[in-house]
């Protein structure tokens, strides 16, 4: 079995890194330098014409988009390890949350970041658009918080859906969004952070810019 993982610190590839470590599968990690333009080089664009990480190459099959990668790895490796359900309603429930993470929540996060964060040139920001995005982002967080009421995880047990979504919540926390009013979410997130795979991945990025 051959599995290559193309990633970079401070990117959505961290999601895939966490998923791989949770699954405990062997892989070759290839770290790219976004500032140096590694993802825009011809050899990488042959793998992902979007010029973004994460990318995995599993036995010759190339996949990009973190949600697709999480569901693919779950299907291939996660069922036996009890980290992803077999086909059926339980899998559908987790697919819903993984997709929601990247589409509904992810869109609000991206719009907020583009209009508020310092790494975006000031002439490209729109303060009002940033406020609207923040309101929508908080509405999404409310949806998640209510879904976690009286249950420890998104599904019956900890799964790759929790891995995936908590990594996006980490990014929201990094952007200085106050999560303290979302009690259920915060308790759930702490459970996710207590996983050995989480500690291992975070330690591997310590000191990376």
N, C-alpha and C. Protein backbone atom coordinates (compact mmCIF):
# COMPACT_ATOMS: atom_id res chain seq x y z
N UNK A 1 0.84 -1.19 0.00
CA UNK A 1 0.00 0.00 0.00
C UNK A 1 0.88 1.24 0.00
N UNK A 2 0.60 2.15 -0.91
CA UNK A 2 1.35 3.40 -1.00
C UNK A 2 0.40 4.56 -0.71
N UNK A 3 0.80 5.43 0.21
CA UNK A 3 -0.01 6.59 0.56
C UNK A 3 0.89 7.79 0.79
N UNK A 4 0.79 8.79 -0.10
CA UNK A 4 1.54 10.03 0.04
C UNK A 4 0.59 11.14 0.47
N UNK A 5 1.09 12.00 1.35
CA UNK A 5 0.28 13.08 1.91
C UNK A 5 1.03 14.40 1.74
N UNK A 6 0.49 15.27 0.92
CA UNK A 6 1.08 16.59 0.67
C UNK A 6 0.39 17.60 1.58
N UNK A 7 1.18 18.31 2.36
CA UNK A 7 0.59 19.19 3.37
C UNK A 7 1.45 20.42 3.59
N UNK A 8 0.93 21.33 4.42
CA UNK A 8 1.66 22.53 4.83
C UNK A 8 1.12 22.95 6.19
N UNK A 9 1.96 23.52 7.05
CA UNK A 9 1.47 24.03 8.33
C UNK A 9 0.46 25.15 8.12
N UNK A 10 -0.41 25.34 9.09
CA UNK A 10 -1.38 26.44 9.07
C UNK A 10 -2.24 26.41 7.80
N UNK A 11 -2.69 25.23 7.44
CA UNK A 11 -3.56 25.07 6.28
C UNK A 11 -4.61 24.01 6.60
N UNK A 12 -5.58 23.84 5.72
CA UNK A 12 -6.60 22.82 5.95
C UNK A 12 -6.02 21.41 5.85
N UNK A 13 -4.78 21.29 5.43
CA UNK A 13 -4.14 19.97 5.41
C UNK A 13 -3.97 19.41 6.82
N UNK A 14 -4.02 20.27 7.83
CA UNK A 14 -3.94 19.79 9.21
C UNK A 14 -5.10 18.83 9.49
N UNK A 15 -6.26 19.09 8.88
CA UNK A 15 -7.40 18.19 9.06
C UNK A 15 -7.02 16.77 8.62
N UNK A 16 -6.46 16.67 7.42
CA UNK A 16 -6.08 15.36 6.88
C UNK A 16 -4.99 14.71 7.71
N UNK A 17 -4.06 15.52 8.20
CA UNK A 17 -2.99 15.00 9.05
C UNK A 17 -3.59 14.35 10.31
N UNK A 18 -4.55 15.02 10.92
CA UNK A 18 -5.21 14.47 12.10
C UNK A 18 -5.95 13.18 11.77
N UNK A 19 -6.63 13.15 10.64
CA UNK A 19 -7.37 11.96 10.23
C UNK A 19 -6.41 10.78 10.04
N UNK A 20 -5.29 11.01 9.37
CA UNK A 20 -4.31 9.95 9.13
C UNK A 20 -3.76 9.40 10.44
N UNK A 21 -3.48 10.29 11.37
CA UNK A 21 -2.93 9.83 12.65
C UNK A 21 -3.98 9.08 13.46
N UNK A 22 -5.22 9.52 13.41
CA UNK A 22 -6.28 8.79 14.09
C UNK A 22 -6.40 7.37 13.54
N UNK A 23 -6.27 7.24 12.23
CA UNK A 23 -6.41 5.93 11.60
C UNK A 23 -5.19 5.04 11.83
N UNK A 24 -4.04 5.67 12.12
CA UNK A 24 -2.84 4.89 12.38
C UNK A 24 -2.29 4.17 11.17
N UNK A 25 -2.54 4.72 9.97
CA UNK A 25 -2.02 4.09 8.75
C UNK A 25 -0.65 4.67 8.42
N UNK A 26 0.15 3.90 7.69
CA UNK A 26 1.47 4.37 7.27
C UNK A 26 1.33 5.28 6.05
N UNK A 27 2.07 6.36 6.05
CA UNK A 27 2.02 7.29 4.92
C UNK A 27 3.34 8.05 4.83
N UNK A 28 3.59 8.57 3.64
CA UNK A 28 4.76 9.42 3.41
C UNK A 28 4.29 10.87 3.42
N UNK A 29 4.77 11.65 4.38
CA UNK A 29 4.38 13.05 4.48
C UNK A 29 5.34 13.92 3.67
N UNK A 30 4.78 14.75 2.82
CA UNK A 30 5.58 15.65 1.98
C UNK A 30 5.14 17.08 2.30
N UNK A 31 5.97 17.79 3.05
CA UNK A 31 5.61 19.15 3.48
C UNK A 31 6.01 20.16 2.41
N UNK A 32 5.09 21.03 2.07
CA UNK A 32 5.31 22.06 1.07
C UNK A 32 5.38 23.43 1.73
N UNK A 33 6.09 24.34 1.08
CA UNK A 33 6.23 25.71 1.57
C UNK A 33 5.31 26.59 0.73
N UNK A 34 4.22 27.03 1.34
CA UNK A 34 3.25 27.84 0.60
C UNK A 34 3.84 29.18 0.20
N UNK A 35 4.65 29.78 1.08
CA UNK A 35 5.23 31.09 0.79
C UNK A 35 6.20 31.05 -0.37
N UNK A 36 6.85 29.90 -0.56
CA UNK A 36 7.80 29.75 -1.66
C UNK A 36 7.12 29.33 -2.96
N UNK A 37 5.81 29.11 -2.90
CA UNK A 37 5.08 28.76 -4.11
C UNK A 37 5.16 27.31 -4.51
N UNK A 38 5.43 26.43 -3.54
CA UNK A 38 5.56 25.00 -3.87
C UNK A 38 4.28 24.43 -4.51
N UNK A 39 3.12 24.95 -4.08
CA UNK A 39 1.87 24.40 -4.61
C UNK A 39 1.52 24.93 -5.99
N UNK A 40 2.32 25.87 -6.49
CA UNK A 40 2.07 26.44 -7.82
C UNK A 40 3.05 25.89 -8.86
N UNK A 41 3.93 25.00 -8.42
CA UNK A 41 4.90 24.42 -9.34
C UNK A 41 4.22 23.38 -10.23
N UNK A 42 4.71 23.23 -11.47
CA UNK A 42 4.05 22.34 -12.43
C UNK A 42 3.86 20.92 -11.92
N UNK A 43 4.85 20.39 -11.21
CA UNK A 43 4.75 19.01 -10.75
C UNK A 43 3.62 18.83 -9.73
N UNK A 44 3.38 19.88 -8.91
CA UNK A 44 2.27 19.77 -7.96
C UNK A 44 0.94 20.03 -8.65
N UNK A 45 0.91 20.96 -9.59
CA UNK A 45 -0.33 21.26 -10.30
C UNK A 45 -0.83 20.07 -11.12
N UNK A 46 0.07 19.16 -11.44
CA UNK A 46 -0.36 17.92 -12.10
C UNK A 46 -1.19 17.06 -11.16
N UNK A 47 -0.91 17.18 -9.86
CA UNK A 47 -1.69 16.45 -8.86
C UNK A 47 -2.99 17.20 -8.53
N UNK A 48 -2.87 18.48 -8.26
CA UNK A 48 -4.03 19.30 -7.94
C UNK A 48 -3.97 20.61 -8.72
N UNK A 49 -4.73 20.71 -9.79
CA UNK A 49 -4.69 21.93 -10.61
C UNK A 49 -5.16 23.18 -9.88
N UNK A 50 -5.77 23.00 -8.70
CA UNK A 50 -6.17 24.15 -7.88
C UNK A 50 -4.99 24.76 -7.14
N UNK A 51 -3.88 24.03 -7.07
CA UNK A 51 -2.70 24.55 -6.41
C UNK A 51 -2.86 24.69 -4.91
N UNK A 52 -3.55 23.73 -4.29
CA UNK A 52 -3.80 23.80 -2.85
C UNK A 52 -3.53 22.46 -2.19
N UNK A 53 -3.26 22.50 -0.88
CA UNK A 53 -3.20 21.30 -0.06
C UNK A 53 -4.47 21.26 0.78
N UNK A 54 -4.87 20.06 1.26
CA UNK A 54 -4.18 18.78 1.21
C UNK A 54 -4.40 18.04 -0.11
N UNK A 55 -3.46 17.14 -0.38
CA UNK A 55 -3.58 16.17 -1.46
C UNK A 55 -3.07 14.84 -0.92
N UNK A 56 -3.78 13.76 -1.25
CA UNK A 56 -3.23 12.43 -0.98
C UNK A 56 -3.17 11.66 -2.29
N UNK A 57 -2.20 10.77 -2.36
CA UNK A 57 -2.10 9.84 -3.49
C UNK A 57 -2.08 8.44 -2.89
N UNK A 58 -3.17 7.73 -3.05
CA UNK A 58 -3.32 6.39 -2.47
C UNK A 58 -3.30 5.36 -3.58
N UNK A 59 -2.24 4.58 -3.62
CA UNK A 59 -2.09 3.55 -4.65
C UNK A 59 -2.40 4.10 -6.04
N UNK A 60 -1.88 5.31 -6.31
CA UNK A 60 -2.03 5.92 -7.63
C UNK A 60 -3.26 6.79 -7.80
N UNK A 61 -4.21 6.71 -6.87
CA UNK A 61 -5.41 7.54 -6.94
C UNK A 61 -5.17 8.87 -6.23
N UNK A 62 -5.38 9.97 -6.94
CA UNK A 62 -5.13 11.31 -6.40
C UNK A 62 -6.43 11.90 -5.90
N UNK A 63 -6.42 12.38 -4.66
CA UNK A 63 -7.60 13.05 -4.11
C UNK A 63 -7.21 14.39 -3.53
N UNK A 64 -8.05 15.40 -3.77
CA UNK A 64 -7.94 16.68 -3.09
C UNK A 64 -9.30 17.08 -2.57
N UNK A 65 -9.32 18.13 -1.75
CA UNK A 65 -10.47 18.59 -0.96
C UNK A 65 -10.54 17.77 0.34
N UNK A 66 -10.37 18.48 1.46
CA UNK A 66 -10.24 17.79 2.74
C UNK A 66 -11.46 16.97 3.10
N UNK A 67 -12.67 17.44 2.77
CA UNK A 67 -13.86 16.66 3.11
C UNK A 67 -13.90 15.35 2.34
N UNK A 68 -13.58 15.41 1.05
CA UNK A 68 -13.56 14.19 0.24
C UNK A 68 -12.50 13.22 0.76
N UNK A 69 -11.35 13.76 1.15
CA UNK A 69 -10.27 12.91 1.66
C UNK A 69 -10.69 12.23 2.97
N UNK A 70 -11.31 12.99 3.88
CA UNK A 70 -11.74 12.41 5.14
C UNK A 70 -12.72 11.26 4.91
N UNK A 71 -13.69 11.49 4.04
CA UNK A 71 -14.69 10.43 3.79
C UNK A 71 -14.08 9.24 3.08
N UNK A 72 -13.15 9.49 2.17
CA UNK A 72 -12.48 8.40 1.46
C UNK A 72 -11.65 7.56 2.42
N UNK A 73 -10.82 8.23 3.23
CA UNK A 73 -9.99 7.50 4.18
C UNK A 73 -10.85 6.76 5.20
N UNK A 74 -11.96 7.38 5.60
CA UNK A 74 -12.87 6.70 6.51
C UNK A 74 -13.42 5.42 5.91
N UNK A 75 -13.84 5.51 4.65
CA UNK A 75 -14.40 4.34 3.98
C UNK A 75 -13.37 3.23 3.82
N UNK A 76 -12.14 3.60 3.46
CA UNK A 76 -11.10 2.60 3.19
C UNK A 76 -10.53 2.00 4.48
N UNK A 77 -10.22 2.86 5.45
CA UNK A 77 -9.50 2.42 6.63
C UNK A 77 -10.28 2.53 7.94
N UNK A 78 -11.33 3.35 7.98
CA UNK A 78 -11.95 3.69 9.25
C UNK A 78 -13.00 2.76 9.77
N UNK A 79 -13.65 1.99 8.90
CA UNK A 79 -14.75 1.14 9.35
C UNK A 79 -14.26 0.08 10.32
N UNK A 80 -13.20 -0.60 9.93
CA UNK A 80 -12.64 -1.66 10.78
C UNK A 80 -12.14 -1.11 12.10
N UNK A 81 -11.65 0.13 12.08
CA UNK A 81 -11.09 0.74 13.29
C UNK A 81 -12.16 1.46 14.13
N UNK A 82 -13.43 1.33 13.74
CA UNK A 82 -14.55 1.93 14.46
C UNK A 82 -14.48 3.46 14.49
N UNK A 83 -13.87 4.05 13.46
CA UNK A 83 -13.78 5.49 13.36
C UNK A 83 -14.66 6.06 12.26
N UNK A 84 -15.36 5.17 11.54
CA UNK A 84 -16.25 5.59 10.47
C UNK A 84 -17.26 4.47 10.28
N UNK A 85 -18.55 4.81 10.18
CA UNK A 85 -19.56 3.75 10.10
C UNK A 85 -19.55 3.03 8.75
N UNK A 86 -20.09 1.84 8.76
CA UNK A 86 -20.35 1.13 7.51
C UNK A 86 -21.44 1.88 6.75
N UNK A 87 -21.62 1.59 5.44
CA UNK A 87 -22.66 2.28 4.68
C UNK A 87 -24.02 2.16 5.36
N UNK A 88 -24.74 3.26 5.40
CA UNK A 88 -26.04 3.26 6.03
C UNK A 88 -26.34 4.60 6.68
N UNK A 89 -27.42 4.69 7.46
CA UNK A 89 -27.84 5.97 8.04
C UNK A 89 -26.78 6.63 8.92
N UNK A 90 -26.03 5.84 9.71
CA UNK A 90 -25.02 6.45 10.58
C UNK A 90 -23.91 7.10 9.76
N UNK A 91 -23.52 6.44 8.68
CA UNK A 91 -22.52 7.07 7.81
C UNK A 91 -23.08 8.34 7.19
N UNK A 92 -24.32 8.30 6.76
CA UNK A 92 -24.94 9.49 6.18
C UNK A 92 -24.94 10.66 7.15
N UNK A 93 -25.21 10.38 8.43
CA UNK A 93 -25.20 11.43 9.45
C UNK A 93 -23.83 12.09 9.54
N UNK A 94 -22.78 11.29 9.52
CA UNK A 94 -21.44 11.86 9.63
C UNK A 94 -21.01 12.55 8.34
N UNK A 95 -21.40 12.02 7.21
CA UNK A 95 -21.12 12.69 5.93
C UNK A 95 -21.75 14.08 5.91
N UNK A 96 -22.94 14.17 6.50
CA UNK A 96 -23.62 15.47 6.59
C UNK A 96 -22.76 16.49 7.33
N UNK A 97 -22.20 16.09 8.47
CA UNK A 97 -21.41 17.02 9.27
C UNK A 97 -20.07 17.36 8.61
N UNK A 98 -19.46 16.38 7.98
CA UNK A 98 -18.18 16.65 7.30
C UNK A 98 -18.40 17.64 6.16
N UNK A 99 -19.46 17.43 5.39
CA UNK A 99 -19.75 18.34 4.28
C UNK A 99 -20.16 19.71 4.79
N UNK A 100 -20.97 19.75 5.82
CA UNK A 100 -21.37 21.02 6.43
C UNK A 100 -20.16 21.81 6.91
N UNK A 101 -19.18 21.09 7.46
CA UNK A 101 -17.96 21.74 7.95
C UNK A 101 -17.31 22.58 6.87
N UNK A 102 -17.19 22.01 5.67
CA UNK A 102 -16.47 22.68 4.59
C UNK A 102 -17.34 23.63 3.79
N UNK A 103 -18.62 23.34 3.69
CA UNK A 103 -19.48 24.15 2.82
C UNK A 103 -20.16 25.28 3.60
N UNK A 104 -21.07 24.96 4.50
CA UNK A 104 -21.83 26.00 5.19
C UNK A 104 -20.96 26.75 6.20
N UNK A 105 -20.36 26.02 7.12
CA UNK A 105 -19.48 26.67 8.10
C UNK A 105 -18.24 27.24 7.43
N UNK A 106 -17.63 26.45 6.57
CA UNK A 106 -16.38 26.88 5.93
C UNK A 106 -16.53 28.15 5.11
N UNK A 107 -17.66 28.31 4.44
CA UNK A 107 -17.87 29.51 3.64
C UNK A 107 -17.96 30.75 4.52
N UNK A 108 -18.67 30.64 5.65
CA UNK A 108 -18.77 31.77 6.57
C UNK A 108 -17.41 32.10 7.18
N UNK A 109 -16.65 31.09 7.52
CA UNK A 109 -15.30 31.30 8.08
C UNK A 109 -14.42 32.01 7.06
N UNK A 110 -14.44 31.54 5.82
CA UNK A 110 -13.59 32.13 4.78
C UNK A 110 -13.97 33.59 4.52
N UNK A 111 -15.28 33.87 4.49
CA UNK A 111 -15.73 35.24 4.23
C UNK A 111 -15.35 36.16 5.38
N UNK A 112 -15.46 35.66 6.60
CA UNK A 112 -15.05 36.45 7.76
C UNK A 112 -13.55 36.74 7.69
N UNK A 113 -12.76 35.72 7.40
CA UNK A 113 -11.31 35.89 7.36
C UNK A 113 -10.90 36.89 6.28
N UNK A 114 -11.49 36.78 5.11
CA UNK A 114 -11.13 37.67 3.99
C UNK A 114 -11.40 39.13 4.30
N UNK A 115 -12.37 39.40 5.17
CA UNK A 115 -12.76 40.79 5.43
C UNK A 115 -12.27 41.34 6.76
N UNK A 116 -11.62 40.49 7.56
CA UNK A 116 -11.23 40.91 8.90
C UNK A 116 -9.75 40.66 9.20
N UNK A 117 -9.21 39.55 8.73
CA UNK A 117 -7.88 39.14 9.16
C UNK A 117 -6.77 40.00 8.55
N UNK A 118 -5.70 40.18 9.33
CA UNK A 118 -4.60 41.07 8.93
C UNK A 118 -3.84 40.57 7.72
N UNK A 119 -3.89 39.26 7.44
CA UNK A 119 -3.11 38.75 6.31
C UNK A 119 -3.75 39.10 4.97
N UNK A 120 -4.95 39.66 5.00
CA UNK A 120 -5.59 40.15 3.77
C UNK A 120 -5.28 41.63 3.63
N UNK A 121 -4.80 42.10 2.47
CA UNK A 121 -4.52 43.53 2.29
C UNK A 121 -5.74 44.38 2.66
N UNK A 122 -5.50 45.48 3.35
CA UNK A 122 -6.59 46.28 3.90
C UNK A 122 -7.53 46.80 2.82
N UNK A 123 -6.99 47.06 1.62
CA UNK A 123 -7.84 47.58 0.55
C UNK A 123 -8.81 46.53 0.01
N UNK A 124 -8.58 45.26 0.37
CA UNK A 124 -9.46 44.19 -0.08
C UNK A 124 -10.51 43.81 0.97
N UNK A 125 -10.43 44.43 2.13
CA UNK A 125 -11.36 44.09 3.21
C UNK A 125 -12.60 44.98 3.18
N UNK A 126 -13.70 44.44 3.73
CA UNK A 126 -14.96 45.18 3.82
C UNK A 126 -15.50 44.94 5.22
N UNK A 127 -15.46 45.97 6.05
CA UNK A 127 -15.83 45.81 7.46
C UNK A 127 -17.27 45.33 7.62
N UNK A 128 -18.19 45.87 6.84
CA UNK A 128 -19.59 45.45 6.95
C UNK A 128 -19.76 43.99 6.54
N UNK A 129 -19.09 43.59 5.47
CA UNK A 129 -19.15 42.19 5.04
C UNK A 129 -18.58 41.28 6.10
N UNK A 130 -17.54 41.77 6.80
CA UNK A 130 -16.95 40.99 7.87
C UNK A 130 -17.92 40.79 9.02
N UNK A 131 -18.68 41.83 9.35
CA UNK A 131 -19.66 41.73 10.43
C UNK A 131 -20.78 40.76 10.08
N UNK A 132 -21.25 40.83 8.84
CA UNK A 132 -22.30 39.91 8.39
C UNK A 132 -21.80 38.47 8.45
N UNK A 133 -20.57 38.27 7.99
CA UNK A 133 -19.99 36.92 8.01
C UNK A 133 -19.85 36.42 9.44
N UNK A 134 -19.48 37.31 10.37
CA UNK A 134 -19.35 36.90 11.77
C UNK A 134 -20.69 36.47 12.34
N UNK A 135 -21.76 37.19 11.98
CA UNK A 135 -23.09 36.81 12.45
C UNK A 135 -23.48 35.43 11.92
N UNK A 136 -23.18 35.18 10.65
CA UNK A 136 -23.51 33.88 10.06
C UNK A 136 -22.64 32.77 10.65
N UNK A 137 -21.39 33.11 10.93
CA UNK A 137 -20.48 32.16 11.56
C UNK A 137 -20.99 31.77 12.94
N UNK A 138 -21.41 32.75 13.70
CA UNK A 138 -21.95 32.46 15.04
C UNK A 138 -23.25 31.67 14.97
N UNK A 139 -24.05 31.91 13.94
CA UNK A 139 -25.26 31.12 13.77
C UNK A 139 -24.91 29.65 13.52
N UNK A 140 -23.88 29.42 12.73
CA UNK A 140 -23.42 28.05 12.47
C UNK A 140 -22.93 27.40 13.76
N UNK A 141 -22.18 28.15 14.55
CA UNK A 141 -21.68 27.61 15.81
C UNK A 141 -22.84 27.25 16.73
N UNK A 142 -23.91 28.03 16.67
CA UNK A 142 -25.09 27.71 17.46
C UNK A 142 -25.73 26.40 17.01
N UNK A 143 -25.74 26.18 15.70
CA UNK A 143 -26.27 24.91 15.18
C UNK A 143 -25.48 23.73 15.73
N UNK A 144 -24.15 23.87 15.70
CA UNK A 144 -23.29 22.80 16.20
C UNK A 144 -23.46 22.61 17.70
N UNK A 145 -23.53 23.71 18.43
CA UNK A 145 -23.67 23.62 19.88
C UNK A 145 -24.96 22.89 20.26
N UNK A 146 -26.04 23.20 19.57
CA UNK A 146 -27.32 22.55 19.88
C UNK A 146 -27.29 21.07 19.49
N UNK A 147 -26.58 20.75 18.43
CA UNK A 147 -26.48 19.35 18.00
C UNK A 147 -25.72 18.50 19.02
N UNK A 148 -24.85 19.15 19.79
CA UNK A 148 -24.02 18.43 20.76
C UNK A 148 -24.64 18.42 22.16
N UNK A 149 -25.85 18.91 22.28
CA UNK A 149 -26.52 18.90 23.58
C UNK A 149 -26.81 17.46 24.02
N UNK A 150 -26.34 17.13 25.18
CA UNK A 150 -26.56 15.80 25.78
C UNK A 150 -25.95 14.65 24.97
N UNK A 151 -24.92 14.94 24.18
CA UNK A 151 -24.22 13.85 23.49
C UNK A 151 -22.74 14.22 23.38
N UNK A 152 -21.86 13.25 23.58
CA UNK A 152 -20.42 13.56 23.62
C UNK A 152 -19.79 13.81 22.25
N UNK A 153 -20.36 13.20 21.21
CA UNK A 153 -19.76 13.32 19.87
C UNK A 153 -20.85 13.47 18.81
N UNK A 154 -20.46 13.72 17.58
CA UNK A 154 -21.42 13.93 16.51
C UNK A 154 -22.23 12.68 16.21
N UNK A 155 -21.59 11.53 16.33
CA UNK A 155 -22.27 10.25 16.14
C UNK A 155 -22.41 9.51 17.45
N UNK A 156 -22.57 8.21 17.34
CA UNK A 156 -22.71 7.41 18.57
C UNK A 156 -21.42 7.37 19.37
N UNK A 157 -20.28 7.41 18.67
CA UNK A 157 -18.96 7.38 19.30
C UNK A 157 -18.05 8.36 18.57
N UNK A 158 -16.85 8.55 19.10
CA UNK A 158 -15.89 9.41 18.42
C UNK A 158 -15.64 8.87 17.01
N UNK A 159 -15.57 9.78 16.05
CA UNK A 159 -15.37 9.37 14.66
C UNK A 159 -14.53 10.41 13.94
N UNK A 160 -14.21 10.12 12.69
CA UNK A 160 -13.45 11.06 11.86
C UNK A 160 -14.21 12.34 11.58
N UNK A 161 -15.52 12.31 11.72
CA UNK A 161 -16.31 13.54 11.58
C UNK A 161 -15.95 14.51 12.70
N UNK A 162 -15.76 13.99 13.91
CA UNK A 162 -15.33 14.84 15.03
C UNK A 162 -13.92 15.38 14.78
N UNK A 163 -13.04 14.52 14.31
CA UNK A 163 -11.68 14.96 13.96
C UNK A 163 -11.73 16.12 12.98
N UNK A 164 -12.50 15.94 11.94
CA UNK A 164 -12.57 16.92 10.85
C UNK A 164 -13.14 18.26 11.33
N UNK A 165 -14.30 18.19 11.95
CA UNK A 165 -14.97 19.43 12.34
C UNK A 165 -14.24 20.15 13.46
N UNK A 166 -13.66 19.43 14.40
CA UNK A 166 -12.93 20.10 15.47
C UNK A 166 -11.72 20.85 14.95
N UNK A 167 -11.10 20.35 13.89
CA UNK A 167 -9.96 21.05 13.32
C UNK A 167 -10.38 22.41 12.74
N UNK A 168 -11.57 22.47 12.18
CA UNK A 168 -12.08 23.75 11.68
C UNK A 168 -12.43 24.68 12.85
N UNK A 169 -12.96 24.11 13.92
CA UNK A 169 -13.23 24.90 15.11
C UNK A 169 -11.93 25.47 15.68
N UNK A 170 -10.87 24.70 15.62
CA UNK A 170 -9.55 25.20 16.04
C UNK A 170 -9.17 26.46 15.26
N UNK A 171 -9.43 26.43 13.97
CA UNK A 171 -9.09 27.57 13.11
C UNK A 171 -9.93 28.79 13.49
N UNK A 172 -11.20 28.56 13.81
CA UNK A 172 -12.07 29.65 14.25
C UNK A 172 -11.54 30.24 15.56
N UNK A 173 -11.13 29.37 16.46
CA UNK A 173 -10.56 29.83 17.73
C UNK A 173 -9.29 30.64 17.50
N UNK A 174 -8.48 30.22 16.54
CA UNK A 174 -7.24 30.93 16.20
C UNK A 174 -7.55 32.35 15.69
N UNK A 175 -8.69 32.54 15.08
CA UNK A 175 -9.08 33.85 14.56
C UNK A 175 -9.71 34.73 15.63
N UNK A 176 -9.59 34.30 16.87
CA UNK A 176 -10.03 35.09 18.04
C UNK A 176 -11.55 35.24 18.11
N UNK A 177 -12.27 34.25 17.60
CA UNK A 177 -13.72 34.22 17.80
C UNK A 177 -13.99 33.65 19.19
N UNK A 178 -14.80 34.34 19.98
CA UNK A 178 -15.11 33.90 21.34
C UNK A 178 -16.10 32.74 21.29
N UNK A 179 -15.67 31.60 21.78
CA UNK A 179 -16.52 30.41 21.79
C UNK A 179 -17.09 30.09 23.16
N UNK A 180 -16.85 30.94 24.13
CA UNK A 180 -17.18 30.62 25.52
C UNK A 180 -18.68 30.43 25.75
N UNK A 181 -19.50 31.05 24.93
CA UNK A 181 -20.95 30.90 25.14
C UNK A 181 -21.49 29.59 24.57
N UNK A 182 -20.67 28.87 23.82
CA UNK A 182 -21.09 27.60 23.22
C UNK A 182 -20.56 26.46 24.09
N UNK A 183 -21.25 26.24 25.20
CA UNK A 183 -20.76 25.32 26.22
C UNK A 183 -20.61 23.90 25.71
N UNK A 184 -21.62 23.41 25.02
CA UNK A 184 -21.56 22.03 24.52
C UNK A 184 -20.41 21.87 23.53
N UNK A 185 -20.26 22.85 22.67
CA UNK A 185 -19.18 22.83 21.68
C UNK A 185 -17.81 22.79 22.35
N UNK A 186 -17.63 23.63 23.36
CA UNK A 186 -16.33 23.71 24.04
C UNK A 186 -15.98 22.40 24.75
N UNK A 187 -16.97 21.78 25.39
CA UNK A 187 -16.71 20.50 26.07
C UNK A 187 -16.37 19.43 25.05
N UNK A 188 -17.11 19.39 23.96
CA UNK A 188 -16.84 18.43 22.87
C UNK A 188 -15.43 18.65 22.29
N UNK A 189 -15.09 19.91 22.04
CA UNK A 189 -13.79 20.22 21.46
C UNK A 189 -12.65 19.77 22.36
N UNK A 190 -12.84 19.94 23.67
CA UNK A 190 -11.81 19.48 24.62
C UNK A 190 -11.67 17.96 24.55
N UNK A 191 -12.76 17.24 24.39
CA UNK A 191 -12.67 15.78 24.23
C UNK A 191 -11.85 15.43 22.99
N UNK A 192 -12.08 16.16 21.92
CA UNK A 192 -11.34 15.90 20.68
C UNK A 192 -9.85 16.21 20.86
N UNK A 193 -9.55 17.28 21.57
CA UNK A 193 -8.16 17.67 21.78
C UNK A 193 -7.42 16.73 22.71
N UNK A 194 -8.15 15.99 23.50
CA UNK A 194 -7.52 15.04 24.43
C UNK A 194 -7.09 13.75 23.74
N UNK A 195 -7.40 13.59 22.48
CA UNK A 195 -7.01 12.40 21.74
C UNK A 195 -5.49 12.37 21.53
N UNK A 196 -4.84 11.22 21.68
CA UNK A 196 -3.39 11.13 21.45
C UNK A 196 -2.97 11.59 20.06
N UNK A 197 -3.77 11.29 19.06
CA UNK A 197 -3.43 11.70 17.69
C UNK A 197 -3.40 13.22 17.57
N UNK A 198 -4.30 13.89 18.26
CA UNK A 198 -4.33 15.36 18.24
C UNK A 198 -3.04 15.93 18.83
N UNK A 199 -2.66 15.41 19.99
CA UNK A 199 -1.43 15.90 20.63
C UNK A 199 -0.21 15.67 19.74
N UNK A 200 -0.16 14.52 19.09
CA UNK A 200 0.98 14.19 18.23
C UNK A 200 1.08 15.14 17.05
N UNK A 201 -0.05 15.42 16.41
CA UNK A 201 -0.03 16.31 15.24
C UNK A 201 0.30 17.73 15.65
N UNK A 202 -0.30 18.22 16.71
CA UNK A 202 -0.02 19.59 17.15
C UNK A 202 1.45 19.76 17.53
N UNK A 203 2.03 18.74 18.16
CA UNK A 203 3.44 18.81 18.52
C UNK A 203 4.31 18.85 17.28
N UNK A 204 3.89 18.19 16.23
CA UNK A 204 4.71 18.14 15.00
C UNK A 204 4.77 19.50 14.32
N UNK A 205 3.78 20.34 14.56
CA UNK A 205 3.75 21.66 13.93
C UNK A 205 4.29 22.75 14.86
N UNK A 206 4.63 22.39 16.07
CA UNK A 206 5.13 23.37 17.03
C UNK A 206 6.36 24.08 16.48
N UNK A 207 6.30 25.40 16.44
CA UNK A 207 7.43 26.18 15.93
C UNK A 207 7.38 26.44 14.46
N UNK A 208 6.45 25.78 13.72
CA UNK A 208 6.30 26.06 12.29
C UNK A 208 5.50 27.34 12.09
N UNK A 209 5.88 28.08 11.08
CA UNK A 209 5.14 29.29 10.76
C UNK A 209 4.21 29.01 9.59
